[in-house]
Amino acid sequence: MGYVEIAPKTVDGVGVIPAFVLNTHIDNFCAKPVDVYRTAPTLRQLRHAYETSQEIERSVRGNLKKGEWTATFLRDGKEVVERPEKVHYDEKSGLWIAEGGDVHRVDLPPEGWALDYEQRGFPTRTGTREEAEKVFGEDASYFWAGSNGLRAVGRGFCDLDSSPIGVSAYWYPDDGLDHIGSRLVIE
């Protein structure tokens, strides 16, 4: 398996994403997000790698029907949780809980084709496929998300579009599907 070093990302002189090393291959198919979030890249790391590394772009494009979990979660459609310290199911409340991590509020658009993204990798506007293709060309990607409970965030496994960097936050942390895996990130 190959690895690629991803350079840091800076915006207006401020470091937004530190440098990291990312596996070029998607592994662990059928894995559940709750089993891989400690080692998977965050959504923003994965988007940055796709945008800056030809190896990662080739890997993603070669696996359009296969998605990958990230270390990013969406809570109640309102908060992004990156790299939580612990994700577990609370029997008493019947809820999935993410403890710790980097938590930020997010205002998500309706399901649709992404027209713009915020710095953590979530769309800020959606529209038609034609509109998205005018903005992103062959990188036009679909967005869909559940708005209740803790949802695992993945890349590009919506059969609706098979887009390269589509964002899906529909599945619970214990969902595992045979066409969804993860990459190893070394920070």
N, C-alpha and C. Protein backbone atom coordinates (compact mmCIF):
# COMPACT_ATOMS: atom_id res chain seq x y z
N MET A 1 0.83 -1.18 0.00
CA MET A 1 0.00 0.00 0.00
C MET A 1 0.87 1.23 0.00
N GLY A 2 0.44 2.25 -0.76
CA GLY A 2 1.20 3.47 -0.84
C GLY A 2 0.66 4.56 0.05
N TYR A 3 1.55 5.43 0.42
CA TYR A 3 1.19 6.59 1.21
C TYR A 3 1.68 7.84 0.50
N VAL A 4 1.02 8.96 0.73
CA VAL A 4 1.43 10.21 0.11
C VAL A 4 1.42 11.29 1.19
N GLU A 5 2.43 12.14 1.15
CA GLU A 5 2.49 13.25 2.11
C GLU A 5 1.69 14.41 1.55
N ILE A 6 0.79 14.92 2.36
CA ILE A 6 -0.06 16.04 1.95
C ILE A 6 0.45 17.31 2.63
N ALA A 7 0.73 18.32 1.84
CA ALA A 7 1.26 19.58 2.36
C ALA A 7 0.19 20.29 3.19
N PRO A 8 0.60 21.15 4.10
CA PRO A 8 -0.40 21.90 4.89
C PRO A 8 -1.20 22.84 4.00
N LYS A 9 -2.36 23.24 4.50
CA LYS A 9 -3.19 24.21 3.79
C LYS A 9 -3.24 25.48 4.61
N THR A 10 -2.94 26.59 3.96
CA THR A 10 -3.04 27.89 4.63
C THR A 10 -4.02 28.77 3.87
N VAL A 11 -4.75 29.56 4.61
CA VAL A 11 -5.70 30.51 4.03
C VAL A 11 -5.39 31.87 4.64
N ASP A 12 -5.06 32.82 3.79
CA ASP A 12 -4.69 34.17 4.25
C ASP A 12 -3.60 34.13 5.31
N GLY A 13 -2.61 33.25 5.09
CA GLY A 13 -1.47 33.15 5.99
C GLY A 13 -1.72 32.38 7.27
N VAL A 14 -2.91 31.85 7.44
CA VAL A 14 -3.26 31.10 8.65
C VAL A 14 -3.32 29.61 8.30
N GLY A 15 -2.65 28.77 9.10
CA GLY A 15 -2.69 27.32 8.88
C GLY A 15 -4.06 26.77 9.19
N VAL A 16 -4.71 26.20 8.19
CA VAL A 16 -6.06 25.65 8.37
C VAL A 16 -5.98 24.14 8.56
N ILE A 17 -5.08 23.49 7.82
CA ILE A 17 -4.90 22.04 7.94
C ILE A 17 -3.39 21.77 8.01
N PRO A 18 -2.90 21.18 9.09
CA PRO A 18 -1.48 20.84 9.15
C PRO A 18 -1.15 19.74 8.14
N ALA A 19 0.13 19.56 7.85
CA ALA A 19 0.57 18.49 6.96
C ALA A 19 0.22 17.13 7.57
N PHE A 20 -0.02 16.13 6.71
CA PHE A 20 -0.31 14.78 7.18
C PHE A 20 0.06 13.80 6.08
N VAL A 21 0.08 12.53 6.43
CA VAL A 21 0.37 11.45 5.48
C VAL A 21 -0.90 10.62 5.34
N LEU A 22 -1.28 10.30 4.09
CA LEU A 22 -2.54 9.61 3.84
C LEU A 22 -2.31 8.39 2.96
N ASN A 23 -2.95 7.29 3.32
CA ASN A 23 -2.90 6.07 2.52
C ASN A 23 -3.61 6.35 1.19
N THR A 24 -3.01 5.91 0.10
CA THR A 24 -3.63 6.13 -1.21
C THR A 24 -4.74 5.13 -1.49
N HIS A 25 -4.82 4.06 -0.70
CA HIS A 25 -5.82 3.02 -0.93
C HIS A 25 -6.92 3.06 0.13
N ILE A 26 -8.12 2.75 -0.30
CA ILE A 26 -9.25 2.60 0.62
C ILE A 26 -9.25 1.15 1.08
N ASP A 27 -9.30 0.93 2.38
CA ASP A 27 -9.30 -0.41 2.99
C ASP A 27 -10.51 -0.57 3.89
N ASN A 28 -10.53 -1.65 4.60
CA ASN A 28 -11.54 -1.90 5.65
C ASN A 28 -12.97 -1.84 5.14
N PHE A 29 -13.24 -2.35 3.95
CA PHE A 29 -14.62 -2.35 3.47
C PHE A 29 -15.48 -3.16 4.42
N CYS A 30 -16.71 -2.73 4.62
CA CYS A 30 -17.67 -3.27 5.59
C CYS A 30 -17.42 -2.76 7.00
N ALA A 31 -16.36 -1.98 7.20
CA ALA A 31 -16.08 -1.44 8.53
C ALA A 31 -17.17 -0.46 8.92
N LYS A 32 -17.37 -0.33 10.21
CA LYS A 32 -18.33 0.64 10.74
C LYS A 32 -17.57 1.91 11.11
N PRO A 33 -18.19 3.07 10.93
CA PRO A 33 -17.51 4.32 11.29
C PRO A 33 -17.00 4.32 12.73
N VAL A 34 -17.75 3.72 13.64
CA VAL A 34 -17.34 3.70 15.04
C VAL A 34 -16.04 2.90 15.23
N ASP A 35 -15.70 2.04 14.27
CA ASP A 35 -14.48 1.24 14.37
C ASP A 35 -13.28 1.89 13.69
N VAL A 36 -13.48 2.91 12.85
CA VAL A 36 -12.36 3.46 12.09
C VAL A 36 -12.14 4.97 12.28
N TYR A 37 -12.98 5.65 13.06
CA TYR A 37 -12.86 7.11 13.14
C TYR A 37 -11.55 7.58 13.76
N ARG A 38 -10.91 6.75 14.57
CA ARG A 38 -9.65 7.16 15.19
C ARG A 38 -8.50 7.22 14.18
N THR A 39 -8.61 6.48 13.08
CA THR A 39 -7.53 6.40 12.11
C THR A 39 -7.86 7.01 10.75
N ALA A 40 -9.11 7.34 10.51
CA ALA A 40 -9.54 7.91 9.22
C ALA A 40 -9.24 9.40 9.17
N PRO A 41 -9.08 9.96 7.97
CA PRO A 41 -8.92 11.42 7.86
C PRO A 41 -10.23 12.12 8.14
N THR A 42 -10.16 13.39 8.51
CA THR A 42 -11.38 14.19 8.63
C THR A 42 -11.87 14.51 7.22
N LEU A 43 -13.11 14.96 7.12
CA LEU A 43 -13.64 15.34 5.82
C LEU A 43 -12.78 16.43 5.19
N ARG A 44 -12.38 17.42 5.96
CA ARG A 44 -11.59 18.50 5.36
C ARG A 44 -10.21 18.03 4.94
N GLN A 45 -9.60 17.09 5.68
CA GLN A 45 -8.33 16.52 5.25
C GLN A 45 -8.49 15.79 3.92
N LEU A 46 -9.55 15.00 3.81
CA LEU A 46 -9.77 14.23 2.59
C LEU A 46 -10.02 15.14 1.39
N ARG A 47 -10.81 16.18 1.56
CA ARG A 47 -11.05 17.13 0.47
C ARG A 47 -9.75 17.82 0.07
N HIS A 48 -8.96 18.24 1.05
CA HIS A 48 -7.69 18.91 0.76
C HIS A 48 -6.75 17.96 0.02
N ALA A 49 -6.69 16.70 0.46
CA ALA A 49 -5.85 15.71 -0.23
C ALA A 49 -6.30 15.52 -1.66
N TYR A 50 -7.61 15.42 -1.87
CA TYR A 50 -8.14 15.25 -3.22
C TYR A 50 -7.76 16.44 -4.11
N GLU A 51 -7.83 17.63 -3.55
CA GLU A 51 -7.56 18.84 -4.33
C GLU A 51 -6.07 19.06 -4.61
N THR A 52 -5.19 18.45 -3.81
CA THR A 52 -3.76 18.73 -3.95
C THR A 52 -2.90 17.55 -4.36
N SER A 53 -3.43 16.34 -4.33
CA SER A 53 -2.62 15.15 -4.62
C SER A 53 -3.18 14.38 -5.81
N GLN A 54 -2.37 14.24 -6.84
CA GLN A 54 -2.82 13.46 -8.00
C GLN A 54 -3.04 11.99 -7.62
N GLU A 55 -2.24 11.46 -6.69
CA GLU A 55 -2.41 10.06 -6.27
C GLU A 55 -3.76 9.84 -5.60
N ILE A 56 -4.14 10.77 -4.73
CA ILE A 56 -5.43 10.65 -4.04
C ILE A 56 -6.57 10.86 -5.04
N GLU A 57 -6.43 11.84 -5.92
CA GLU A 57 -7.47 12.06 -6.93
C GLU A 57 -7.65 10.81 -7.80
N ARG A 58 -6.55 10.20 -8.23
CA ARG A 58 -6.66 8.98 -9.04
C ARG A 58 -7.32 7.85 -8.26
N SER A 59 -6.96 7.72 -6.99
CA SER A 59 -7.56 6.68 -6.15
C SER A 59 -9.06 6.88 -6.01
N VAL A 60 -9.48 8.11 -5.76
CA VAL A 60 -10.91 8.42 -5.62
C VAL A 60 -11.64 8.15 -6.93
N ARG A 61 -11.10 8.65 -8.02
CA ARG A 61 -11.75 8.47 -9.33
C ARG A 61 -11.80 7.00 -9.75
N GLY A 62 -10.83 6.21 -9.30
CA GLY A 62 -10.82 4.79 -9.61
C GLY A 62 -11.79 3.98 -8.76
N ASN A 63 -12.40 4.63 -7.78
CA ASN A 63 -13.32 3.95 -6.86
C ASN A 63 -14.61 4.75 -6.67
N LEU A 64 -15.17 5.26 -7.76
CA LEU A 64 -16.35 6.11 -7.63
C LEU A 64 -17.55 5.37 -7.03
N LYS A 65 -17.63 4.09 -7.19
CA LYS A 65 -18.75 3.34 -6.61
C LYS A 65 -18.45 2.90 -5.17
N LYS A 66 -17.26 3.26 -4.67
CA LYS A 66 -16.87 2.90 -3.31
C LYS A 66 -16.62 4.16 -2.51
N GLY A 67 -17.25 4.26 -1.36
CA GLY A 67 -17.06 5.44 -0.53
C GLY A 67 -16.06 5.19 0.57
N GLU A 68 -15.90 6.19 1.42
CA GLU A 68 -14.99 6.05 2.55
C GLU A 68 -15.45 6.89 3.72
N TRP A 69 -15.29 6.31 4.91
CA TRP A 69 -15.64 7.00 6.14
C TRP A 69 -14.57 8.02 6.48
N THR A 70 -14.97 9.04 7.21
CA THR A 70 -14.02 10.04 7.70
C THR A 70 -14.08 10.07 9.23
N ALA A 71 -13.24 10.90 9.82
CA ALA A 71 -13.25 11.11 11.27
C ALA A 71 -14.08 12.33 11.62
N THR A 72 -15.08 12.60 10.78
CA THR A 72 -15.98 13.73 10.97
C THR A 72 -17.40 13.19 11.16
N PHE A 73 -18.12 13.79 12.09
CA PHE A 73 -19.51 13.41 12.37
C PHE A 73 -20.38 14.66 12.32
N LEU A 74 -21.65 14.47 12.04
CA LEU A 74 -22.63 15.54 12.03
C LEU A 74 -23.63 15.25 13.13
N ARG A 75 -23.82 16.21 14.03
CA ARG A 75 -24.75 16.01 15.15
C ARG A 75 -25.99 16.86 14.93
N ASP A 76 -27.14 16.15 14.79
CA ASP A 76 -28.46 16.79 14.63
C ASP A 76 -28.52 17.78 13.47
N GLY A 77 -27.65 17.58 12.48
CA GLY A 77 -27.64 18.45 11.31
C GLY A 77 -27.19 19.87 11.60
N LYS A 78 -26.64 20.10 12.81
CA LYS A 78 -26.29 21.46 13.22
C LYS A 78 -24.85 21.64 13.67
N GLU A 79 -24.20 20.53 14.05
CA GLU A 79 -22.83 20.63 14.54
C GLU A 79 -21.93 19.62 13.84
N VAL A 80 -20.73 20.08 13.50
CA VAL A 80 -19.69 19.21 12.96
C VAL A 80 -18.79 18.82 14.12
N VAL A 81 -18.52 17.52 14.25
CA VAL A 81 -17.60 17.03 15.27
C VAL A 81 -16.45 16.33 14.54
N GLU A 82 -15.26 16.92 14.65
CA GLU A 82 -14.08 16.33 14.02
C GLU A 82 -13.21 15.68 15.08
N ARG A 83 -12.71 14.50 14.76
CA ARG A 83 -11.80 13.75 15.64
C ARG A 83 -12.30 13.66 17.08
N PRO A 84 -13.51 13.14 17.29
CA PRO A 84 -13.96 12.98 18.67
C PRO A 84 -13.04 12.02 19.42
N GLU A 85 -12.97 12.21 20.72
CA GLU A 85 -12.15 11.34 21.55
C GLU A 85 -12.82 9.98 21.75
N LYS A 86 -14.15 10.00 21.77
CA LYS A 86 -14.91 8.76 21.99
C LYS A 86 -16.26 8.86 21.29
N VAL A 87 -16.65 7.77 20.63
CA VAL A 87 -17.97 7.65 20.02
C VAL A 87 -18.58 6.37 20.56
N HIS A 88 -19.77 6.46 21.15
CA HIS A 88 -20.38 5.27 21.75
C HIS A 88 -21.90 5.40 21.76
N TYR A 89 -22.54 4.25 21.92
CA TYR A 89 -23.99 4.21 22.01
C TYR A 89 -24.38 4.18 23.47
N ASP A 90 -25.26 5.09 23.89
CA ASP A 90 -25.73 5.15 25.27
C ASP A 90 -27.05 4.40 25.37
N GLU A 91 -27.00 3.24 26.00
CA GLU A 91 -28.19 2.39 26.13
C GLU A 91 -29.34 3.10 26.85
N LYS A 92 -29.01 3.89 27.85
CA LYS A 92 -30.03 4.54 28.65
C LYS A 92 -30.85 5.55 27.83
N SER A 93 -30.16 6.38 27.05
CA SER A 93 -30.86 7.39 26.26
C SER A 93 -31.24 6.90 24.86
N GLY A 94 -30.60 5.80 24.42
CA GLY A 94 -30.85 5.30 23.08
C GLY A 94 -30.24 6.17 22.00
N LEU A 95 -29.17 6.90 22.36
CA LEU A 95 -28.54 7.82 21.41
C LEU A 95 -27.06 7.51 21.22
N TRP A 96 -26.55 7.81 20.03
CA TRP A 96 -25.11 7.78 19.77
C TRP A 96 -24.52 9.08 20.29
N ILE A 97 -23.39 8.98 20.98
CA ILE A 97 -22.75 10.12 21.61
C ILE A 97 -21.33 10.27 21.07
N ALA A 98 -20.95 11.48 20.73
CA ALA A 98 -19.56 11.81 20.38
C ALA A 98 -19.05 12.73 21.48
N GLU A 99 -17.98 12.31 22.14
CA GLU A 99 -17.41 13.10 23.23
C GLU A 99 -16.11 13.73 22.78
N GLY A 100 -15.93 15.00 23.12
CA GLY A 100 -14.70 15.70 22.80
C GLY A 100 -14.59 16.00 21.31
N GLY A 101 -13.37 16.26 20.90
CA GLY A 101 -13.11 16.58 19.51
C GLY A 101 -13.28 18.06 19.23
N ASP A 102 -13.15 18.41 18.00
CA ASP A 102 -13.27 19.79 17.53
C ASP A 102 -14.72 19.97 17.07
N VAL A 103 -15.50 20.77 17.77
CA VAL A 103 -16.94 20.93 17.50
C VAL A 103 -17.21 22.33 16.96
N HIS A 104 -17.97 22.40 15.86
CA HIS A 104 -18.31 23.67 15.25
C HIS A 104 -19.74 23.64 14.73
N ARG A 105 -20.40 24.76 14.82
CA ARG A 105 -21.75 24.90 14.27
C ARG A 105 -21.67 24.94 12.75
N VAL A 106 -22.69 24.38 12.09
CA VAL A 106 -22.75 24.39 10.63
C VAL A 106 -24.20 24.64 10.21
N ASP A 107 -24.36 25.45 9.19
CA ASP A 107 -25.68 25.70 8.60
C ASP A 107 -25.71 25.00 7.25
N LEU A 108 -26.40 23.89 7.19
CA LEU A 108 -26.40 23.08 5.98
C LEU A 108 -27.52 23.47 5.02
N PRO A 109 -27.23 23.42 3.74
CA PRO A 109 -28.26 23.66 2.74
C PRO A 109 -29.10 22.40 2.57
N PRO A 110 -30.17 22.46 1.78
CA PRO A 110 -30.94 21.24 1.50
C PRO A 110 -30.12 20.26 0.66
N GLU A 111 -30.55 19.02 0.67
CA GLU A 111 -29.92 17.99 -0.15
C GLU A 111 -29.86 18.47 -1.59
N GLY A 112 -28.76 18.17 -2.25
CA GLY A 112 -28.62 18.57 -3.65
C GLY A 112 -27.18 18.60 -4.08
N TRP A 113 -26.94 19.14 -5.25
CA TRP A 113 -25.60 19.23 -5.83
C TRP A 113 -24.89 20.44 -5.23
N ALA A 114 -23.69 20.22 -4.66
CA ALA A 114 -22.95 21.27 -3.97
C ALA A 114 -22.48 22.35 -4.95
N LEU A 115 -22.71 23.60 -4.58
CA LEU A 115 -22.28 24.74 -5.39
C LEU A 115 -21.15 25.51 -4.72
N ASP A 116 -20.97 25.32 -3.41
CA ASP A 116 -19.92 25.99 -2.66
C ASP A 116 -19.70 25.19 -1.37
N TYR A 117 -18.49 25.28 -0.81
CA TYR A 117 -18.14 24.54 0.40
C TYR A 117 -17.55 25.46 1.45
N GLU A 118 -17.77 25.14 2.73
CA GLU A 118 -17.11 25.85 3.81
C GLU A 118 -15.79 25.13 4.12
N GLN A 119 -14.98 25.68 5.00
CA GLN A 119 -13.62 25.17 5.20
C GLN A 119 -13.56 23.75 5.78
N ARG A 120 -14.60 23.26 6.41
CA ARG A 120 -14.57 21.90 6.95
C ARG A 120 -15.06 20.86 5.94
N GLY A 121 -15.42 21.31 4.75
CA GLY A 121 -15.77 20.39 3.68
C GLY A 121 -17.24 20.20 3.43
N PHE A 122 -18.11 20.86 4.19
CA PHE A 122 -19.56 20.74 3.98
C PHE A 122 -20.04 21.80 3.00
N PRO A 123 -21.04 21.47 2.20
CA PRO A 123 -21.59 22.46 1.26
C PRO A 123 -22.28 23.59 2.01
N THR A 124 -22.22 24.77 1.43
CA THR A 124 -22.95 25.92 1.97
C THR A 124 -24.14 26.27 1.09
N ARG A 125 -24.09 25.81 -0.17
CA ARG A 125 -25.19 26.03 -1.11
C ARG A 125 -25.32 24.79 -1.98
N THR A 126 -26.56 24.49 -2.38
CA THR A 126 -26.79 23.38 -3.29
C THR A 126 -27.70 23.86 -4.42
N GLY A 127 -27.71 23.08 -5.48
CA GLY A 127 -28.55 23.41 -6.62
C GLY A 127 -28.68 22.21 -7.53
N THR A 128 -28.87 22.46 -8.80
CA THR A 128 -29.04 21.38 -9.77
C THR A 128 -27.67 20.84 -10.20
N ARG A 129 -27.70 19.68 -10.81
CA ARG A 129 -26.46 19.09 -11.33
C ARG A 129 -25.82 20.02 -12.37
N GLU A 130 -26.63 20.60 -13.22
CA GLU A 130 -26.13 21.51 -14.26
C GLU A 130 -25.41 22.70 -13.64
N GLU A 131 -26.00 23.27 -12.58
CA GLU A 131 -25.35 24.40 -11.90
C GLU A 131 -24.01 23.97 -11.30
N ALA A 132 -23.99 22.80 -10.66
CA ALA A 132 -22.76 22.30 -10.03
C ALA A 132 -21.68 22.02 -11.07
N GLU A 133 -22.07 21.48 -12.23
CA GLU A 133 -21.10 21.21 -13.28
C GLU A 133 -20.50 22.49 -13.85
N LYS A 134 -21.27 23.58 -13.84
CA LYS A 134 -20.73 24.86 -14.29
C LYS A 134 -19.64 25.36 -13.33
N VAL A 135 -19.80 25.06 -12.05
CA VAL A 135 -18.84 25.51 -11.04
C VAL A 135 -17.65 24.55 -10.94
N PHE A 136 -17.92 23.24 -10.87
CA PHE A 136 -16.88 22.25 -10.56
C PHE A 136 -16.52 21.31 -11.70
N GLY A 137 -17.22 21.37 -12.81
CA GLY A 137 -16.93 20.47 -13.92
C GLY A 137 -17.13 19.03 -13.51
N GLU A 138 -16.15 18.17 -13.81
CA GLU A 138 -16.28 16.74 -13.48
C GLU A 138 -16.18 16.45 -11.99
N ASP A 139 -15.85 17.46 -11.19
CA ASP A 139 -15.84 17.29 -9.73
C ASP A 139 -17.17 17.64 -9.09
N ALA A 140 -18.20 17.90 -9.88
CA ALA A 140 -19.53 18.18 -9.33
C ALA A 140 -19.94 16.99 -8.46
N SER A 141 -20.42 17.30 -7.26
CA SER A 141 -20.72 16.24 -6.29
C SER A 141 -22.01 16.51 -5.54
N TYR A 142 -22.62 15.43 -5.11
CA TYR A 142 -23.91 15.48 -4.44
C TYR A 142 -23.74 15.52 -2.93
N PHE A 143 -24.70 16.14 -2.23
CA PHE A 143 -24.71 16.23 -0.78
C PHE A 143 -26.04 15.71 -0.26
N TRP A 144 -25.95 14.86 0.78
CA TRP A 144 -27.17 14.45 1.47
C TRP A 144 -26.82 14.14 2.92
N ALA A 145 -27.76 14.42 3.83
CA ALA A 145 -27.48 14.27 5.26
C ALA A 145 -28.76 14.04 6.04
N GLY A 146 -28.63 13.28 7.11
CA GLY A 146 -29.71 13.13 8.08
C GLY A 146 -29.61 14.26 9.09
N SER A 147 -30.75 14.70 9.59
CA SER A 147 -30.72 15.86 10.49
C SER A 147 -31.00 15.51 11.95
N ASN A 148 -31.15 14.23 12.25
CA ASN A 148 -31.38 13.89 13.66
C ASN A 148 -30.35 12.86 14.12
N GLY A 149 -29.86 13.05 15.33
CA GLY A 149 -28.88 12.13 15.89
C GLY A 149 -27.48 12.36 15.36
N LEU A 150 -26.58 11.48 15.76
CA LEU A 150 -25.18 11.55 15.35
C LEU A 150 -25.01 10.75 14.07
N ARG A 151 -24.51 11.41 13.03
CA ARG A 151 -24.36 10.77 11.72
C ARG A 151 -22.89 10.74 11.33
N ALA A 152 -22.45 9.62 10.80
CA ALA A 152 -21.09 9.50 10.28
C ALA A 152 -21.01 10.19 8.93
N VAL A 153 -19.90 10.86 8.69
CA VAL A 153 -19.72 11.58 7.42
C VAL A 153 -18.79 10.78 6.53
N GLY A 154 -19.23 10.57 5.31
CA GLY A 154 -18.43 9.84 4.35
C GLY A 154 -18.30 10.60 3.05
N ARG A 155 -17.43 10.08 2.21
CA ARG A 155 -17.18 10.68 0.91
C ARG A 155 -17.69 9.78 -0.20
N GLY A 156 -18.51 10.33 -1.07
CA GLY A 156 -18.86 9.75 -2.35
C GLY A 156 -19.50 8.39 -2.42
N PHE A 157 -20.33 7.99 -1.50
CA PHE A 157 -20.95 6.67 -1.63
C PHE A 157 -22.45 6.75 -1.85
N CYS A 158 -22.88 7.83 -2.42
CA CYS A 158 -24.29 7.98 -2.77
C CYS A 158 -24.49 7.39 -4.16
N ASP A 159 -25.18 6.29 -4.27
CA ASP A 159 -25.39 5.64 -5.57
C ASP A 159 -26.10 6.56 -6.57
N LEU A 160 -26.75 7.58 -6.05
CA LEU A 160 -27.47 8.53 -6.89
C LEU A 160 -26.55 9.18 -7.92
N ASP A 161 -25.31 9.45 -7.52
CA ASP A 161 -24.47 10.24 -8.41
C ASP A 161 -23.08 9.67 -8.68
N SER A 162 -22.53 8.87 -7.80
CA SER A 162 -21.17 8.36 -7.91
C SER A 162 -20.18 9.49 -8.19
N SER A 163 -20.36 10.59 -7.53
CA SER A 163 -19.49 11.74 -7.72
C SER A 163 -18.22 11.58 -6.88
N PRO A 164 -17.14 12.23 -7.27
CA PRO A 164 -15.86 11.99 -6.62
C PRO A 164 -15.80 12.45 -5.17
N ILE A 165 -16.29 13.64 -4.88
CA ILE A 165 -16.13 14.16 -3.53
C ILE A 165 -17.47 14.53 -2.91
N GLY A 166 -18.48 13.75 -3.23
CA GLY A 166 -19.79 13.95 -2.63
C GLY A 166 -19.72 13.78 -1.12
N VAL A 167 -20.54 14.51 -0.40
CA VAL A 167 -20.57 14.45 1.06
C VAL A 167 -21.86 13.78 1.48
N SER A 168 -21.74 12.72 2.26
CA SER A 168 -22.91 12.03 2.78
C SER A 168 -22.80 11.92 4.29
N ALA A 169 -23.81 12.40 4.98
CA ALA A 169 -23.86 12.30 6.43
C ALA A 169 -25.22 11.70 6.79
N TYR A 170 -25.46 10.54 6.26
CA TYR A 170 -26.76 9.90 6.40
C TYR A 170 -26.74 8.72 7.36
N TRP A 171 -25.61 8.07 7.52
CA TRP A 171 -25.51 6.81 8.26
C TRP A 171 -25.17 7.01 9.72
N TYR A 172 -25.65 6.10 10.56
CA TYR A 172 -25.30 6.12 11.98
C TYR A 172 -23.91 5.52 12.18
N PRO A 173 -23.26 5.79 13.32
CA PRO A 173 -21.90 5.30 13.55
C PRO A 173 -21.73 3.78 13.56
N ASP A 174 -22.81 3.02 13.69
CA ASP A 174 -22.66 1.56 13.67
C ASP A 174 -23.09 0.94 12.34
N ASP A 175 -23.36 1.78 11.33
CA ASP A 175 -23.69 1.27 10.00
C ASP A 175 -22.41 0.88 9.26
N GLY A 176 -22.43 -0.27 8.66
CA GLY A 176 -21.30 -0.71 7.84
C GLY A 176 -21.83 -1.28 6.55
N LEU A 177 -21.31 -0.81 5.43
CA LEU A 177 -21.77 -1.28 4.13
C LEU A 177 -20.59 -1.81 3.34
N ASP A 178 -20.82 -2.81 2.50
CA ASP A 178 -19.70 -3.48 1.85
C ASP A 178 -18.94 -2.62 0.84
N HIS A 179 -19.49 -1.49 0.41
CA HIS A 179 -18.79 -0.64 -0.54
C HIS A 179 -18.23 0.62 0.11
N ILE A 180 -18.18 0.66 1.43
CA ILE A 180 -17.64 1.80 2.16
C ILE A 180 -16.48 1.33 3.02
N GLY A 181 -15.33 1.97 2.88
CA GLY A 181 -14.15 1.63 3.67
C GLY A 181 -13.56 2.87 4.31
N SER A 182 -12.24 2.86 4.50
CA SER A 182 -11.58 4.04 5.08
C SER A 182 -10.11 4.03 4.67
N ARG A 183 -9.48 5.16 4.82
CA ARG A 183 -8.04 5.31 4.62
C ARG A 183 -7.38 5.56 5.95
N LEU A 184 -6.12 5.23 6.05
CA LEU A 184 -5.34 5.52 7.25
C LEU A 184 -4.69 6.88 7.07
N VAL A 185 -4.83 7.73 8.08
CA VAL A 185 -4.15 9.02 8.08
C VAL A 185 -3.15 9.04 9.23
N ILE A 186 -1.99 9.60 8.97
CA ILE A 186 -0.96 9.76 10.00
C ILE A 186 -0.72 11.25 10.11
N GLU A 187 -1.04 11.79 11.29
CA GLU A 187 -0.92 13.25 11.46
C GLU A 187 0.40 13.61 12.06
